[in-house]
């Protein structure tokens, strides 16, 4: 099981069949003999199931988180629209200066040297504005779509894990974990983002964007 490493030496945890039917997991001893213990496949599956439980959230919490993300998304879109509007205003102002100065140059009110120097400066400013506009107009990640998929997974994580086959369970664990170590019959999980935030929220009961000040998932 490649997602597990030995807490003692950092080597991988591998499976070995005993007596033709029992599967045990243990350190590969790649760096030399390790004193970490063996663990039965069934027991390991139970421990991994326990790792899934902390990311489980209620529908109420999931909805509140989704609403908070939606609000943040809307704020970001408003800021983007305002930024584009301000850049357009800057662009029009610079072009207006160019047009007036060119008329002055044609009419002989300013010298060619002055016109050339100012025109180069304005062209440089327009280039900066154009670059900034290109950056601001870049398509934004589909935050809401991704967030809803994650929240849907988190709402049914425990029951989903229990109903899956080994290959599906492995994929689920690889999705929610960034690392997991085995140490003498126990596991220590490091959750991948943003699942680490869900675990922390369950531990503290503090959910950003919730309507009440100290909400906790229903028992």
N, C-alpha and C. Protein backbone atom coordinates (compact mmCIF):
# COMPACT_ATOMS: atom_id res chain seq x y z
N UNK A 1 0.86 -1.19 0.00
CA UNK A 1 0.00 0.00 0.00
C UNK A 1 0.89 1.23 0.00
N UNK A 2 1.11 1.82 -1.21
CA UNK A 2 2.08 2.88 -1.37
C UNK A 2 1.81 4.15 -0.59
N UNK A 3 0.58 4.35 -0.12
CA UNK A 3 0.30 5.59 0.60
C UNK A 3 0.76 5.52 2.05
N UNK A 4 1.22 4.35 2.51
CA UNK A 4 1.70 4.19 3.89
C UNK A 4 3.21 4.14 3.94
N UNK A 5 3.80 4.81 4.94
CA UNK A 5 5.23 4.71 5.18
C UNK A 5 5.47 4.35 6.63
N UNK A 6 6.65 3.80 6.88
CA UNK A 6 7.02 3.38 8.23
C UNK A 6 7.42 4.60 9.07
N UNK A 7 6.82 4.73 10.24
CA UNK A 7 7.14 5.86 11.12
C UNK A 7 8.53 5.72 11.72
N UNK A 8 9.08 4.51 11.74
CA UNK A 8 10.39 4.26 12.35
C UNK A 8 11.54 4.67 11.44
N UNK A 9 11.45 4.25 10.17
CA UNK A 9 12.60 4.46 9.27
C UNK A 9 12.25 5.18 7.97
N UNK A 10 10.97 5.40 7.72
CA UNK A 10 10.56 6.13 6.52
C UNK A 10 10.41 5.28 5.28
N UNK A 11 10.64 3.97 5.40
CA UNK A 11 10.46 3.08 4.25
C UNK A 11 8.98 2.85 3.97
N UNK A 12 8.70 2.25 2.83
CA UNK A 12 7.32 1.94 2.47
C UNK A 12 6.79 0.78 3.31
N UNK A 13 5.47 0.72 3.40
CA UNK A 13 4.80 -0.42 4.03
C UNK A 13 4.31 -1.33 2.91
N UNK A 14 4.62 -2.61 3.01
CA UNK A 14 4.27 -3.55 1.95
C UNK A 14 3.43 -4.70 2.49
N UNK A 15 2.74 -5.39 1.59
CA UNK A 15 1.88 -6.51 1.98
C UNK A 15 2.61 -7.84 1.78
N UNK A 16 2.28 -8.79 2.65
CA UNK A 16 2.85 -10.14 2.54
C UNK A 16 1.80 -11.15 2.96
N UNK A 17 1.61 -12.18 2.12
CA UNK A 17 0.62 -13.21 2.43
C UNK A 17 1.25 -14.29 3.30
N UNK A 18 0.56 -14.63 4.38
CA UNK A 18 1.03 -15.66 5.32
C UNK A 18 0.08 -16.85 5.29
N UNK A 19 0.64 -18.04 5.31
CA UNK A 19 -0.13 -19.28 5.36
C UNK A 19 -1.15 -19.37 4.22
N UNK A 20 -0.86 -18.68 3.14
CA UNK A 20 -1.67 -18.79 1.95
C UNK A 20 -2.96 -18.00 1.94
N UNK A 21 -3.36 -17.42 3.09
CA UNK A 21 -4.64 -16.71 3.10
C UNK A 21 -4.63 -15.40 3.87
N UNK A 22 -3.78 -15.25 4.87
CA UNK A 22 -3.77 -14.03 5.66
C UNK A 22 -2.78 -13.03 5.07
N UNK A 23 -3.23 -11.79 4.95
CA UNK A 23 -2.36 -10.74 4.42
C UNK A 23 -1.94 -9.82 5.56
N UNK A 24 -0.64 -9.64 5.70
CA UNK A 24 -0.08 -8.76 6.72
C UNK A 24 0.69 -7.64 6.03
N UNK A 25 0.68 -6.48 6.68
CA UNK A 25 1.46 -5.35 6.19
C UNK A 25 2.61 -5.09 7.15
N UNK A 26 3.77 -4.72 6.57
CA UNK A 26 4.95 -4.47 7.40
C UNK A 26 5.93 -3.58 6.65
N UNK A 27 6.93 -3.09 7.36
CA UNK A 27 7.97 -2.26 6.75
C UNK A 27 8.78 -3.10 5.77
N UNK A 28 9.22 -2.49 4.68
CA UNK A 28 10.03 -3.21 3.69
C UNK A 28 11.45 -3.48 4.18
N UNK A 29 11.86 -2.83 5.28
CA UNK A 29 13.24 -2.96 5.80
C UNK A 29 14.28 -2.56 4.76
N UNK A 30 13.92 -1.65 3.88
CA UNK A 30 14.82 -1.26 2.80
C UNK A 30 16.12 -0.64 3.33
N UNK A 31 16.04 0.06 4.46
CA UNK A 31 17.22 0.71 5.04
C UNK A 31 17.86 -0.14 6.14
N UNK A 32 17.50 -1.39 6.19
CA UNK A 32 18.01 -2.26 7.24
C UNK A 32 16.87 -2.76 8.11
N UNK A 33 17.16 -3.72 8.95
CA UNK A 33 16.12 -4.33 9.78
C UNK A 33 15.43 -3.28 10.65
N UNK A 34 14.10 -3.28 10.59
CA UNK A 34 13.28 -2.30 11.32
C UNK A 34 12.49 -3.02 12.40
N UNK A 35 12.33 -2.37 13.55
CA UNK A 35 11.61 -3.02 14.66
C UNK A 35 10.12 -2.70 14.68
N UNK A 36 9.61 -2.09 13.58
CA UNK A 36 8.17 -1.84 13.50
C UNK A 36 7.43 -3.18 13.39
N UNK A 37 6.16 -3.20 13.79
CA UNK A 37 5.41 -4.46 13.85
C UNK A 37 4.65 -4.73 12.56
N UNK A 38 4.10 -5.94 12.46
CA UNK A 38 3.20 -6.34 11.38
C UNK A 38 1.77 -5.95 11.77
N UNK A 39 0.90 -5.86 10.77
CA UNK A 39 -0.51 -5.60 11.04
C UNK A 39 -1.36 -6.35 10.01
N UNK A 40 -2.42 -6.99 10.49
CA UNK A 40 -3.32 -7.72 9.60
C UNK A 40 -4.06 -6.75 8.68
N UNK A 41 -4.35 -7.22 7.46
CA UNK A 41 -5.03 -6.38 6.47
C UNK A 41 -6.37 -5.88 6.98
N UNK A 42 -7.12 -6.74 7.67
CA UNK A 42 -8.44 -6.35 8.17
C UNK A 42 -8.33 -5.24 9.22
N UNK A 43 -7.34 -5.38 10.09
CA UNK A 43 -7.14 -4.35 11.12
C UNK A 43 -6.69 -3.04 10.49
N UNK A 44 -5.82 -3.12 9.50
CA UNK A 44 -5.36 -1.92 8.81
C UNK A 44 -6.53 -1.22 8.12
N UNK A 45 -7.42 -2.01 7.51
CA UNK A 45 -8.59 -1.42 6.84
C UNK A 45 -9.45 -0.66 7.84
N UNK A 46 -9.61 -1.22 9.06
CA UNK A 46 -10.38 -0.53 10.10
C UNK A 46 -9.72 0.79 10.49
N UNK A 47 -8.39 0.76 10.65
CA UNK A 47 -7.67 1.98 11.03
C UNK A 47 -7.77 3.04 9.94
N UNK A 48 -7.68 2.61 8.70
CA UNK A 48 -7.81 3.56 7.60
C UNK A 48 -9.22 4.13 7.53
N UNK A 49 -10.21 3.30 7.87
CA UNK A 49 -11.58 3.80 7.94
C UNK A 49 -11.72 4.87 9.01
N UNK A 50 -11.01 4.68 10.13
CA UNK A 50 -11.04 5.69 11.20
C UNK A 50 -10.42 7.00 10.74
N UNK A 51 -9.48 6.92 9.81
CA UNK A 51 -8.84 8.13 9.28
C UNK A 51 -9.83 8.93 8.43
N UNK A 52 -10.75 8.24 7.79
CA UNK A 52 -11.74 8.91 6.94
C UNK A 52 -12.76 9.68 7.78
N UNK A 53 -13.10 9.15 8.95
CA UNK A 53 -14.16 9.74 9.77
C UNK A 53 -13.99 11.23 10.05
N UNK A 54 -12.78 11.71 10.39
CA UNK A 54 -12.64 13.13 10.75
C UNK A 54 -12.97 14.13 9.66
N UNK A 55 -13.04 13.69 8.39
CA UNK A 55 -13.38 14.66 7.34
C UNK A 55 -14.88 14.72 7.09
N UNK A 56 -15.64 13.83 7.73
CA UNK A 56 -17.10 13.79 7.53
C UNK A 56 -17.74 15.04 8.13
N UNK A 57 -18.59 15.69 7.36
CA UNK A 57 -19.31 16.87 7.84
C UNK A 57 -20.80 16.71 7.55
N UNK A 58 -21.61 17.45 8.29
CA UNK A 58 -23.06 17.39 8.09
C UNK A 58 -23.46 18.19 6.86
N UNK A 59 -24.67 17.95 6.39
CA UNK A 59 -25.20 18.70 5.25
C UNK A 59 -25.32 20.18 5.57
N UNK A 60 -25.68 20.50 6.83
CA UNK A 60 -25.81 21.90 7.23
C UNK A 60 -24.48 22.63 7.13
N UNK A 61 -23.43 22.00 7.65
CA UNK A 61 -22.11 22.62 7.59
C UNK A 61 -21.65 22.74 6.14
N UNK A 62 -21.88 21.69 5.35
CA UNK A 62 -21.49 21.73 3.93
C UNK A 62 -22.19 22.87 3.20
N UNK A 63 -23.47 23.06 3.47
CA UNK A 63 -24.22 24.14 2.82
C UNK A 63 -23.69 25.51 3.24
N UNK A 64 -23.38 25.65 4.52
CA UNK A 64 -22.87 26.94 5.00
C UNK A 64 -21.49 27.25 4.41
N UNK A 65 -20.65 26.22 4.30
CA UNK A 65 -19.34 26.43 3.69
C UNK A 65 -19.51 26.80 2.22
N UNK A 66 -20.41 26.11 1.53
CA UNK A 66 -20.66 26.42 0.11
C UNK A 66 -21.16 27.85 -0.06
N UNK A 67 -22.03 28.29 0.84
CA UNK A 67 -22.54 29.67 0.77
C UNK A 67 -21.42 30.68 0.99
N UNK A 68 -20.52 30.37 1.94
CA UNK A 68 -19.40 31.27 2.22
C UNK A 68 -18.47 31.36 1.01
N UNK A 69 -18.22 30.21 0.37
CA UNK A 69 -17.37 30.20 -0.82
C UNK A 69 -18.04 30.97 -1.96
N UNK A 70 -19.35 30.78 -2.10
CA UNK A 70 -20.10 31.50 -3.14
C UNK A 70 -20.01 33.00 -2.93
N UNK A 71 -20.12 33.42 -1.68
CA UNK A 71 -20.02 34.84 -1.36
C UNK A 71 -18.63 35.38 -1.69
N UNK A 72 -17.60 34.61 -1.34
CA UNK A 72 -16.23 35.00 -1.65
C UNK A 72 -16.02 35.08 -3.15
N UNK A 73 -16.59 34.12 -3.86
CA UNK A 73 -16.49 34.09 -5.32
C UNK A 73 -17.13 35.33 -5.94
N UNK A 74 -18.29 35.71 -5.42
CA UNK A 74 -18.99 36.90 -5.93
C UNK A 74 -18.18 38.17 -5.64
N UNK A 75 -17.59 38.24 -4.44
CA UNK A 75 -16.75 39.40 -4.09
C UNK A 75 -15.56 39.50 -5.05
N UNK A 76 -14.94 38.36 -5.32
CA UNK A 76 -13.78 38.35 -6.22
C UNK A 76 -14.17 38.80 -7.62
N UNK A 77 -15.35 38.39 -8.07
CA UNK A 77 -15.81 38.79 -9.40
C UNK A 77 -16.10 40.28 -9.45
N UNK A 78 -16.66 40.83 -8.36
CA UNK A 78 -16.89 42.28 -8.31
C UNK A 78 -15.57 43.04 -8.36
N UNK A 79 -14.58 42.56 -7.61
CA UNK A 79 -13.26 43.21 -7.62
C UNK A 79 -12.65 43.15 -9.03
N UNK A 80 -12.82 42.03 -9.69
CA UNK A 80 -12.28 41.88 -11.04
C UNK A 80 -12.95 42.85 -12.01
N UNK A 81 -14.27 42.96 -11.92
CA UNK A 81 -15.01 43.89 -12.78
C UNK A 81 -14.58 45.33 -12.52
N UNK A 82 -14.42 45.69 -11.24
CA UNK A 82 -13.98 47.04 -10.89
C UNK A 82 -12.58 47.32 -11.43
N UNK A 83 -11.70 46.32 -11.32
CA UNK A 83 -10.33 46.50 -11.79
C UNK A 83 -10.30 46.72 -13.30
N UNK A 84 -11.11 45.98 -14.04
CA UNK A 84 -11.17 46.14 -15.50
C UNK A 84 -11.71 47.52 -15.85
N UNK A 85 -12.74 47.96 -15.12
CA UNK A 85 -13.31 49.29 -15.37
C UNK A 85 -12.27 50.38 -15.13
N UNK A 86 -11.50 50.27 -14.06
CA UNK A 86 -10.47 51.27 -13.75
C UNK A 86 -9.36 51.26 -14.79
N UNK A 87 -9.00 50.08 -15.28
CA UNK A 87 -7.98 49.99 -16.32
C UNK A 87 -8.47 50.63 -17.61
N UNK A 88 -9.74 50.43 -17.94
CA UNK A 88 -10.32 51.06 -19.13
C UNK A 88 -10.29 52.58 -19.01
N UNK A 89 -10.60 53.08 -17.81
CA UNK A 89 -10.57 54.53 -17.58
C UNK A 89 -9.16 55.07 -17.76
N UNK A 90 -8.17 54.34 -17.22
CA UNK A 90 -6.77 54.76 -17.37
C UNK A 90 -6.37 54.77 -18.84
N UNK A 91 -6.79 53.75 -19.56
CA UNK A 91 -6.45 53.65 -20.98
C UNK A 91 -7.04 54.82 -21.76
N UNK A 92 -8.32 55.11 -21.51
CA UNK A 92 -8.97 56.23 -22.22
C UNK A 92 -8.29 57.56 -21.90
N UNK A 93 -7.87 57.73 -20.64
CA UNK A 93 -7.22 58.98 -20.24
C UNK A 93 -5.88 59.15 -20.95
N UNK A 94 -5.11 58.06 -21.05
CA UNK A 94 -3.81 58.13 -21.72
C UNK A 94 -3.99 58.41 -23.22
N UNK A 95 -4.93 57.72 -23.85
CA UNK A 95 -5.18 57.92 -25.28
C UNK A 95 -5.64 59.36 -25.54
N UNK A 96 -6.46 59.90 -24.64
CA UNK A 96 -6.91 61.30 -24.80
C UNK A 96 -5.72 62.25 -24.73
N UNK A 97 -4.78 61.99 -23.82
CA UNK A 97 -3.57 62.83 -23.73
C UNK A 97 -2.76 62.73 -25.02
N UNK A 98 -2.64 61.51 -25.53
CA UNK A 98 -1.91 61.33 -26.79
C UNK A 98 -2.55 62.12 -27.92
N UNK A 99 -3.86 62.02 -28.03
CA UNK A 99 -4.56 62.72 -29.11
C UNK A 99 -4.38 64.23 -29.02
N UNK A 100 -4.51 64.76 -27.80
CA UNK A 100 -4.36 66.22 -27.63
C UNK A 100 -2.93 66.65 -27.95
N UNK A 101 -1.97 65.87 -27.48
CA UNK A 101 -0.57 66.22 -27.72
C UNK A 101 -0.23 66.13 -29.21
N UNK A 102 -0.81 65.16 -29.90
CA UNK A 102 -0.53 65.03 -31.33
C UNK A 102 -1.08 66.24 -32.09
N UNK A 103 -2.27 66.68 -31.71
CA UNK A 103 -2.83 67.88 -32.33
C UNK A 103 -1.92 69.08 -32.09
N UNK A 104 -1.40 69.18 -30.85
CA UNK A 104 -0.49 70.29 -30.53
C UNK A 104 0.78 70.19 -31.37
N UNK A 105 1.26 68.97 -31.59
CA UNK A 105 2.47 68.79 -32.40
C UNK A 105 2.21 69.18 -33.86
N UNK A 106 1.08 68.72 -34.39
CA UNK A 106 0.73 69.05 -35.79
C UNK A 106 0.56 70.55 -35.96
N UNK A 107 -0.03 71.20 -34.94
CA UNK A 107 -0.26 72.65 -35.02
C UNK A 107 0.99 73.44 -34.67
N UNK A 108 2.07 72.75 -34.32
CA UNK A 108 3.32 73.44 -34.03
C UNK A 108 3.42 74.03 -32.64
N UNK A 109 2.51 73.64 -31.75
CA UNK A 109 2.54 74.20 -30.40
C UNK A 109 3.56 73.50 -29.50
N UNK A 110 3.98 72.30 -29.88
CA UNK A 110 5.04 71.61 -29.13
C UNK A 110 6.06 71.08 -30.13
N UNK A 111 7.28 70.89 -29.65
CA UNK A 111 8.36 70.44 -30.53
C UNK A 111 8.26 68.94 -30.81
N UNK A 112 8.95 68.50 -31.87
CA UNK A 112 8.97 67.07 -32.19
C UNK A 112 9.65 66.28 -31.07
N UNK A 113 10.70 66.86 -30.49
CA UNK A 113 11.42 66.17 -29.40
C UNK A 113 10.50 65.95 -28.21
N UNK A 114 9.73 66.99 -27.87
CA UNK A 114 8.80 66.87 -26.74
C UNK A 114 7.71 65.84 -27.05
N UNK A 115 7.17 65.89 -28.27
CA UNK A 115 6.12 64.93 -28.66
C UNK A 115 6.64 63.49 -28.61
N UNK A 116 7.85 63.28 -29.14
CA UNK A 116 8.41 61.93 -29.17
C UNK A 116 8.62 61.39 -27.77
N UNK A 117 9.19 62.24 -26.90
CA UNK A 117 9.46 61.80 -25.52
C UNK A 117 8.16 61.45 -24.79
N UNK A 118 7.15 62.32 -24.88
CA UNK A 118 5.88 62.07 -24.20
C UNK A 118 5.14 60.88 -24.81
N UNK A 119 5.20 60.77 -26.14
CA UNK A 119 4.50 59.67 -26.81
C UNK A 119 5.08 58.32 -26.39
N UNK A 120 6.40 58.25 -26.27
CA UNK A 120 7.04 57.00 -25.84
C UNK A 120 6.61 56.64 -24.41
N UNK A 121 6.52 57.65 -23.57
CA UNK A 121 6.09 57.41 -22.19
C UNK A 121 4.65 56.91 -22.14
N UNK A 122 3.79 57.51 -22.95
CA UNK A 122 2.38 57.09 -22.97
C UNK A 122 2.22 55.67 -23.54
N UNK A 123 3.01 55.37 -24.58
CA UNK A 123 2.95 54.02 -25.16
C UNK A 123 3.38 52.97 -24.13
N UNK A 124 4.39 53.31 -23.34
CA UNK A 124 4.85 52.39 -22.30
C UNK A 124 3.76 52.19 -21.25
N UNK A 125 3.06 53.29 -20.91
CA UNK A 125 1.98 53.19 -19.93
C UNK A 125 0.83 52.34 -20.47
N UNK A 126 0.52 52.52 -21.76
CA UNK A 126 -0.54 51.70 -22.37
C UNK A 126 -0.17 50.22 -22.38
N UNK A 127 1.12 49.94 -22.57
CA UNK A 127 1.57 48.55 -22.55
C UNK A 127 1.39 47.94 -21.16
N UNK A 128 1.70 48.73 -20.14
CA UNK A 128 1.52 48.27 -18.76
C UNK A 128 0.04 47.99 -18.49
N UNK A 129 -0.82 48.91 -18.93
CA UNK A 129 -2.26 48.74 -18.73
C UNK A 129 -2.75 47.48 -19.45
N UNK A 130 -2.27 47.28 -20.68
CA UNK A 130 -2.70 46.11 -21.46
C UNK A 130 -2.26 44.81 -20.79
N UNK A 131 -1.04 44.80 -20.27
CA UNK A 131 -0.54 43.60 -19.58
C UNK A 131 -1.36 43.31 -18.33
N UNK A 132 -1.67 44.36 -17.59
CA UNK A 132 -2.46 44.20 -16.37
C UNK A 132 -3.87 43.72 -16.69
N UNK A 133 -4.42 44.25 -17.75
CA UNK A 133 -5.78 43.82 -18.14
C UNK A 133 -5.80 42.35 -18.54
N UNK A 134 -4.78 41.93 -19.28
CA UNK A 134 -4.68 40.52 -19.67
C UNK A 134 -4.62 39.62 -18.44
N UNK A 135 -3.87 40.06 -17.43
CA UNK A 135 -3.77 39.29 -16.19
C UNK A 135 -5.11 39.22 -15.47
N UNK A 136 -5.78 40.35 -15.36
CA UNK A 136 -7.06 40.41 -14.65
C UNK A 136 -8.13 39.60 -15.37
N UNK A 137 -8.07 39.58 -16.70
CA UNK A 137 -9.10 38.89 -17.48
C UNK A 137 -8.87 37.38 -17.59
N UNK A 138 -7.77 36.89 -17.04
CA UNK A 138 -7.52 35.44 -17.09
C UNK A 138 -8.69 34.69 -16.46
N UNK A 139 -9.13 33.60 -17.09
CA UNK A 139 -10.24 32.82 -16.51
C UNK A 139 -9.89 32.37 -15.10
N UNK A 140 -10.82 32.53 -14.19
CA UNK A 140 -10.60 32.13 -12.81
C UNK A 140 -10.94 30.65 -12.64
N UNK A 141 -10.23 29.97 -11.73
CA UNK A 141 -10.54 28.55 -11.49
C UNK A 141 -12.01 28.38 -11.08
N UNK A 142 -12.58 27.27 -11.49
CA UNK A 142 -13.98 26.98 -11.14
C UNK A 142 -14.06 26.56 -9.67
N UNK A 143 -13.87 27.54 -8.79
CA UNK A 143 -13.80 27.26 -7.36
C UNK A 143 -15.05 26.59 -6.84
N UNK A 144 -16.19 27.10 -7.26
CA UNK A 144 -17.44 26.62 -6.71
C UNK A 144 -17.70 25.17 -7.12
N UNK A 145 -17.39 24.85 -8.36
CA UNK A 145 -17.60 23.48 -8.84
C UNK A 145 -16.72 22.51 -8.07
N UNK A 146 -15.44 22.86 -7.92
CA UNK A 146 -14.51 22.01 -7.17
C UNK A 146 -14.93 21.89 -5.72
N UNK A 147 -15.32 23.01 -5.12
CA UNK A 147 -15.72 23.00 -3.71
C UNK A 147 -16.92 22.10 -3.48
N UNK A 148 -17.90 22.17 -4.37
CA UNK A 148 -19.10 21.34 -4.20
C UNK A 148 -18.76 19.85 -4.28
N UNK A 149 -17.84 19.49 -5.17
CA UNK A 149 -17.43 18.08 -5.27
C UNK A 149 -16.76 17.63 -3.97
N UNK A 150 -15.90 18.48 -3.42
CA UNK A 150 -15.22 18.14 -2.17
C UNK A 150 -16.21 18.03 -1.03
N UNK A 151 -17.14 18.96 -0.96
CA UNK A 151 -18.14 18.94 0.12
C UNK A 151 -19.06 17.74 0.00
N UNK A 152 -19.43 17.37 -1.22
CA UNK A 152 -20.26 16.18 -1.41
C UNK A 152 -19.52 14.94 -0.94
N UNK A 153 -18.23 14.88 -1.23
CA UNK A 153 -17.41 13.76 -0.77
C UNK A 153 -17.35 13.74 0.75
N UNK A 154 -17.14 14.91 1.34
CA UNK A 154 -17.00 14.99 2.80
C UNK A 154 -18.30 14.62 3.52
N UNK A 155 -19.44 14.91 2.90
CA UNK A 155 -20.73 14.59 3.54
C UNK A 155 -20.96 13.09 3.66
N UNK A 156 -20.39 12.31 2.76
CA UNK A 156 -20.66 10.88 2.76
C UNK A 156 -19.37 10.05 2.85
N UNK A 157 -18.30 10.67 3.34
CA UNK A 157 -16.99 10.02 3.32
C UNK A 157 -16.97 8.67 4.01
N UNK A 158 -17.51 8.61 5.23
CA UNK A 158 -17.43 7.37 6.01
C UNK A 158 -18.23 6.24 5.36
N UNK A 159 -19.48 6.53 5.01
CA UNK A 159 -20.32 5.49 4.40
C UNK A 159 -19.79 5.09 3.03
N UNK A 160 -19.23 6.06 2.31
CA UNK A 160 -18.66 5.78 1.00
C UNK A 160 -17.49 4.81 1.13
N UNK A 161 -16.61 5.07 2.10
CA UNK A 161 -15.45 4.21 2.31
C UNK A 161 -15.88 2.78 2.62
N UNK A 162 -16.87 2.64 3.48
CA UNK A 162 -17.32 1.31 3.90
C UNK A 162 -17.94 0.52 2.76
N UNK A 163 -18.50 1.22 1.79
CA UNK A 163 -19.19 0.53 0.68
C UNK A 163 -18.27 0.24 -0.50
N UNK A 164 -17.04 0.72 -0.45
CA UNK A 164 -16.14 0.59 -1.59
C UNK A 164 -15.31 -0.69 -1.53
N UNK A 165 -14.82 -1.11 -2.71
CA UNK A 165 -13.85 -2.19 -2.74
C UNK A 165 -12.46 -1.63 -2.44
N UNK A 166 -11.45 -2.50 -2.35
CA UNK A 166 -10.12 -2.07 -1.93
C UNK A 166 -9.52 -1.02 -2.87
N UNK A 167 -9.70 -1.20 -4.17
CA UNK A 167 -9.14 -0.24 -5.13
C UNK A 167 -9.79 1.13 -4.98
N UNK A 168 -11.11 1.15 -4.77
CA UNK A 168 -11.82 2.42 -4.59
C UNK A 168 -11.44 3.08 -3.27
N UNK A 169 -11.28 2.27 -2.23
CA UNK A 169 -10.85 2.81 -0.94
C UNK A 169 -9.48 3.45 -1.06
N UNK A 170 -8.60 2.80 -1.79
CA UNK A 170 -7.26 3.34 -1.98
C UNK A 170 -7.32 4.70 -2.67
N UNK A 171 -8.14 4.81 -3.72
CA UNK A 171 -8.27 6.08 -4.44
C UNK A 171 -8.82 7.16 -3.52
N UNK A 172 -9.79 6.80 -2.68
CA UNK A 172 -10.35 7.77 -1.75
C UNK A 172 -9.29 8.24 -0.76
N UNK A 173 -8.53 7.31 -0.22
CA UNK A 173 -7.48 7.66 0.73
C UNK A 173 -6.40 8.53 0.08
N UNK A 174 -6.05 8.22 -1.15
CA UNK A 174 -5.05 9.02 -1.86
C UNK A 174 -5.56 10.43 -2.13
N UNK A 175 -6.88 10.58 -2.21
CA UNK A 175 -7.48 11.90 -2.42
C UNK A 175 -7.41 12.75 -1.16
N UNK A 176 -7.67 12.15 -0.01
CA UNK A 176 -7.81 12.94 1.23
C UNK A 176 -6.51 13.01 2.03
N UNK A 177 -5.53 12.18 1.73
CA UNK A 177 -4.30 12.15 2.51
C UNK A 177 -3.11 12.67 1.70
N UNK A 178 -2.21 13.37 2.37
CA UNK A 178 -0.93 13.71 1.74
C UNK A 178 0.17 12.79 2.26
N UNK A 179 -0.05 12.21 3.44
CA UNK A 179 0.92 11.27 4.01
C UNK A 179 0.24 10.49 5.13
N UNK A 180 0.73 9.28 5.36
CA UNK A 180 0.22 8.48 6.46
C UNK A 180 1.31 7.52 6.91
N UNK A 181 1.65 7.54 8.20
CA UNK A 181 2.70 6.68 8.72
C UNK A 181 2.12 5.61 9.64
N UNK A 182 2.78 4.46 9.64
CA UNK A 182 2.38 3.33 10.49
C UNK A 182 3.43 3.13 11.57
N UNK A 183 2.95 3.04 12.82
CA UNK A 183 3.87 2.86 13.94
C UNK A 183 3.27 1.89 14.95
N UNK A 184 3.73 0.66 14.91
CA UNK A 184 3.34 -0.35 15.89
C UNK A 184 1.83 -0.42 16.13
N UNK A 185 1.09 -0.59 15.07
CA UNK A 185 -0.34 -0.79 15.20
C UNK A 185 -1.19 0.45 15.17
N UNK A 186 -0.58 1.61 14.97
CA UNK A 186 -1.35 2.85 14.90
C UNK A 186 -0.94 3.65 13.67
N UNK A 187 -1.84 4.51 13.23
CA UNK A 187 -1.59 5.34 12.05
C UNK A 187 -1.57 6.80 12.43
N UNK A 188 -0.74 7.56 11.75
CA UNK A 188 -0.71 9.01 11.92
C UNK A 188 -0.92 9.63 10.54
N UNK A 189 -2.05 10.30 10.37
CA UNK A 189 -2.43 10.82 9.06
C UNK A 189 -2.12 12.30 8.93
N UNK A 190 -1.64 12.68 7.76
CA UNK A 190 -1.51 14.09 7.37
C UNK A 190 -2.48 14.30 6.22
N UNK A 191 -3.47 15.14 6.44
CA UNK A 191 -4.53 15.31 5.45
C UNK A 191 -4.13 16.32 4.38
N UNK A 192 -4.52 16.02 3.16
CA UNK A 192 -4.27 16.94 2.05
C UNK A 192 -5.22 18.13 2.15
N UNK A 193 -4.81 19.24 1.58
CA UNK A 193 -5.70 20.40 1.51
C UNK A 193 -6.79 20.13 0.49
N UNK A 194 -8.03 20.54 0.71
CA UNK A 194 -8.54 21.29 1.87
C UNK A 194 -9.13 20.40 2.95
N UNK A 195 -8.88 19.09 2.87
CA UNK A 195 -9.48 18.18 3.85
C UNK A 195 -8.93 18.43 5.25
N UNK A 196 -7.70 18.97 5.32
CA UNK A 196 -7.15 19.30 6.64
C UNK A 196 -7.99 20.37 7.34
N UNK A 197 -8.58 21.26 6.55
CA UNK A 197 -9.44 22.31 7.13
C UNK A 197 -10.73 21.72 7.68
N UNK A 198 -11.25 20.70 7.00
CA UNK A 198 -12.47 20.04 7.49
C UNK A 198 -12.18 19.31 8.80
N UNK A 199 -11.03 18.65 8.87
CA UNK A 199 -10.64 17.95 10.10
C UNK A 199 -10.50 18.95 11.24
N UNK A 200 -9.84 20.07 10.96
CA UNK A 200 -9.65 21.09 12.00
C UNK A 200 -10.99 21.67 12.45
N UNK A 201 -11.88 21.89 11.50
CA UNK A 201 -13.20 22.40 11.85
C UNK A 201 -13.96 21.44 12.74
N UNK A 202 -13.86 20.15 12.45
CA UNK A 202 -14.52 19.15 13.29
C UNK A 202 -13.91 19.09 14.68
N UNK A 203 -12.60 19.29 14.75
CA UNK A 203 -11.91 19.23 16.05
C UNK A 203 -12.25 20.43 16.93
N UNK A 204 -12.33 21.60 16.31
CA UNK A 204 -12.54 22.83 17.09
C UNK A 204 -13.99 23.27 17.14
N UNK A 205 -14.79 22.84 16.16
CA UNK A 205 -16.17 23.31 16.08
C UNK A 205 -16.28 24.70 15.52
N UNK A 206 -15.18 25.26 15.03
CA UNK A 206 -15.20 26.62 14.48
C UNK A 206 -15.20 26.53 12.97
N UNK A 207 -16.32 26.89 12.40
CA UNK A 207 -16.48 26.80 10.95
C UNK A 207 -16.61 28.19 10.37
N UNK A 208 -15.68 28.57 9.52
CA UNK A 208 -15.72 29.87 8.87
C UNK A 208 -16.96 29.96 7.99
N UNK A 209 -17.70 31.04 8.16
CA UNK A 209 -18.88 31.25 7.32
C UNK A 209 -20.16 30.72 7.94
N UNK A 210 -20.07 30.05 9.11
CA UNK A 210 -21.29 29.57 9.74
C UNK A 210 -22.08 30.73 10.32
N UNK A 211 -23.41 30.55 10.45
CA UNK A 211 -24.26 31.63 10.95
C UNK A 211 -24.09 31.83 12.45
N UNK A 212 -23.82 30.73 13.19
CA UNK A 212 -23.67 30.88 14.62
C UNK A 212 -22.20 30.95 14.97
N UNK A 213 -21.89 31.38 16.20
CA UNK A 213 -20.52 31.70 16.56
C UNK A 213 -19.67 30.48 16.84
N UNK A 214 -20.26 29.39 17.34
CA UNK A 214 -19.46 28.22 17.68
C UNK A 214 -20.21 26.94 17.31
N UNK A 215 -20.48 26.75 16.04
CA UNK A 215 -21.28 25.60 15.65
C UNK A 215 -20.50 24.31 15.72
N UNK A 216 -21.19 23.22 15.96
CA UNK A 216 -20.56 21.91 15.93
C UNK A 216 -21.46 20.97 15.13
N UNK A 217 -20.85 20.00 14.45
CA UNK A 217 -21.67 19.06 13.71
C UNK A 217 -22.60 18.32 14.64
N UNK A 218 -23.81 17.98 14.20
CA UNK A 218 -24.73 17.24 15.05
C UNK A 218 -24.15 15.89 15.43
N UNK A 219 -24.46 15.43 16.63
CA UNK A 219 -23.91 14.15 17.10
C UNK A 219 -24.51 13.01 16.30
